[in-house]
Amino acid sequence: MVCLFVQIRCKPGTAYDVADAIALREIHSELYSVSGEFDLLMKMYVPEGQDVGRYINDNLLNVPGIERTYTTQTFKAF
């Protein structure tokens, strides 16, 4: 599995709705409300053999209220 951290910026006033929609999809390992440039921080695992970009497009980016994302892919845990 590929571990990703996805920062999510929501349209104003939609952070709770976006978080609820993500939670219902059960695509995350952890989901946090955060301060700063982004509203939410999500840790997710992409199944082995899946195209990371397509998986994000098909399972996350069509959630209403998401304005922008910034994805960081991990390689090794220490």
C-alpha atoms as a PDB file:
ATOM      1  CA  MET A   1       0.000   0.000   0.000  1.00  0.00           C
ATOM      2  CA  VAL A   2       1.113   3.549  -0.705  1.00  0.00           C
ATOM      3  CA  CYS A   3       0.741   5.989   2.183  1.00  0.00           C
ATOM      4  CA  LEU A   4      -0.297   9.538   1.279  1.00  0.00           C
ATOM      5  CA  PHE A   5      -0.922  12.690   3.254  1.00  0.00           C
ATOM      6  CA  VAL A   6      -3.449  14.951   1.543  1.00  0.00           C
ATOM      7  CA  GLN A   7      -3.983  18.550   2.617  1.00  0.00           C
ATOM      8  CA  ILE A   8      -7.434  19.774   1.621  1.00  0.00           C
ATOM      9  CA  ARG A   9      -8.618  23.348   1.201  1.00  0.00           C
ATOM     10  CA  CYS A  10     -12.394  23.640   1.310  1.00  0.00           C
ATOM     11  CA  LYS A  11     -14.683  26.295  -0.057  1.00  0.00           C
ATOM     12  CA  PRO A  12     -15.602  28.697   2.770  1.00  0.00           C
ATOM     13  CA  GLY A  13     -18.108  27.201   5.174  1.00  0.00           C
ATOM     14  CA  THR A  14     -17.879  23.636   3.830  1.00  0.00           C
ATOM     15  CA  ALA A  15     -15.108  22.008   5.903  1.00  0.00           C
ATOM     16  CA  TYR A  16     -17.506  20.010   8.092  1.00  0.00           C
ATOM     17  CA  ASP A  17     -19.526  18.846   5.087  1.00  0.00           C
ATOM     18  CA  VAL A  18     -16.350  17.826   3.242  1.00  0.00           C
ATOM     19  CA  ALA A  19     -15.060  15.941   6.287  1.00  0.00           C
ATOM     20  CA  ASP A  20     -18.418  14.147   6.659  1.00  0.00           C
ATOM     21  CA  ALA A  21     -18.431  13.167   2.977  1.00  0.00           C
ATOM     22  CA  ILE A  22     -14.870  11.813   3.192  1.00  0.00           C
ATOM     23  CA  ALA A  23     -15.697   9.866   6.348  1.00  0.00           C
ATOM     24  CA  LEU A  24     -18.677   8.228   4.618  1.00  0.00           C
ATOM     25  CA  ARG A  25     -16.445   7.068   1.753  1.00  0.00           C
ATOM     26  CA  GLU A  26     -14.090   5.296   4.198  1.00  0.00           C
ATOM     27  CA  ILE A  27     -11.019   6.102   2.094  1.00  0.00           C
ATOM     28  CA  HIS A  28      -8.940   7.571   4.912  1.00  0.00           C
ATOM     29  CA  SER A  29      -6.882   6.223   7.754  1.00  0.00           C
ATOM     30  CA  GLU A  30      -6.972   9.499   9.700  1.00  0.00           C
ATOM     31  CA  LEU A  31      -8.668  12.838   9.068  1.00  0.00           C
ATOM     32  CA  TYR A  32      -7.956  16.043  10.995  1.00  0.00           C
ATOM     33  CA  SER A  33      -9.142  19.616  11.037  1.00  0.00           C
ATOM     34  CA  VAL A  34      -6.016  21.795  10.908  1.00  0.00           C
ATOM     35  CA  SER A  35      -5.006  25.433  11.007  1.00  0.00           C
ATOM     36  CA  GLY A  36      -3.121  27.256   8.291  1.00  0.00           C
ATOM     37  CA  GLU A  37      -3.468  27.380   4.532  1.00  0.00           C
ATOM     38  CA  PHE A  38      -5.510  24.156   4.383  1.00  0.00           C
ATOM     39  CA  ASP A  39      -8.596  23.087   6.354  1.00  0.00           C
ATOM     40  CA  LEU A  40      -8.191  19.316   6.585  1.00  0.00           C
ATOM     41  CA  LEU A  41      -5.300  16.851   6.705  1.00  0.00           C
ATOM     42  CA  MET A  42      -5.989  13.292   5.610  1.00  0.00           C
ATOM     43  CA  LYS A  43      -3.791  10.219   5.837  1.00  0.00           C
ATOM     44  CA  MET A  44      -4.789   7.575   3.344  1.00  0.00           C
ATOM     45  CA  TYR A  45      -3.476   4.344   1.882  1.00  0.00           C
ATOM     46  CA  VAL A  46      -3.805   3.581  -1.813  1.00  0.00           C
ATOM     47  CA  PRO A  47      -4.086  -0.147  -2.531  1.00  0.00           C
ATOM     48  CA  GLU A  48      -1.037  -1.762  -4.116  1.00  0.00           C
ATOM     49  CA  GLY A  49      -1.171  -1.698  -7.903  1.00  0.00           C
ATOM     50  CA  GLN A  50      -3.623   1.219  -8.075  1.00  0.00           C
ATOM     51  CA  ASP A  51      -2.666   4.367  -9.955  1.00  0.00           C
ATOM     52  CA  VAL A  52      -2.300   7.026  -7.237  1.00  0.00           C
ATOM     53  CA  GLY A  53      -3.570   9.914  -9.355  1.00  0.00           C
ATOM     54  CA  ARG A  54      -6.589   8.032 -10.629  1.00  0.00           C
ATOM     55  CA  TYR A  55      -7.419   6.751  -7.135  1.00  0.00           C
ATOM     56  CA  ILE A  56      -7.417  10.308  -5.762  1.00  0.00           C
ATOM     57  CA  ASN A  57      -9.429  11.619  -8.717  1.00  0.00           C
ATOM     58  CA  ASP A  58     -12.021   8.851  -8.495  1.00  0.00           C
ATOM     59  CA  ASN A  59     -12.371   8.708  -4.711  1.00  0.00           C
ATOM     60  CA  LEU A  60     -11.594  12.158  -3.308  1.00  0.00           C
ATOM     61  CA  LEU A  61     -11.614  15.039  -5.768  1.00  0.00           C
ATOM     62  CA  ASN A  62     -15.283  14.616  -6.634  1.00  0.00           C
ATOM     63  CA  VAL A  63     -16.329  15.437  -3.045  1.00  0.00           C
ATOM     64  CA  PRO A  64     -18.391  18.652  -3.196  1.00  0.00           C
ATOM     65  CA  GLY A  65     -16.726  21.605  -1.470  1.00  0.00           C
ATOM     66  CA  ILE A  66     -13.093  20.717  -2.129  1.00  0.00           C
ATOM     67  CA  GLU A  67     -11.326  23.719  -3.594  1.00  0.00           C
ATOM     68  CA  ARG A  68      -7.697  22.501  -3.714  1.00  0.00           C
ATOM     69  CA  THR A  69      -5.513  19.634  -2.501  1.00  0.00           C
ATOM     70  CA  TYR A  70      -1.815  19.137  -1.904  1.00  0.00           C
ATOM     71  CA  THR A  71      -0.651  15.508  -1.788  1.00  0.00           C
ATOM     72  CA  THR A  72       2.566  14.168  -0.279  1.00  0.00           C
ATOM     73  CA  GLN A  73       3.528  10.578  -1.022  1.00  0.00           C
ATOM     74  CA  THR A  74       5.595   8.713   1.553  1.00  0.00           C
ATOM     75  CA  PHE A  75       8.298   6.163   0.810  1.00  0.00           C
ATOM     76  CA  LYS A  76       9.691   4.752   4.061  1.00  0.00           C
ATOM     77  CA  ALA A  77       8.807   4.933   7.753  1.00  0.00           C
ATOM     78  CA  PHE A  78      11.678   5.275  10.220  1.00  0.00           C
END
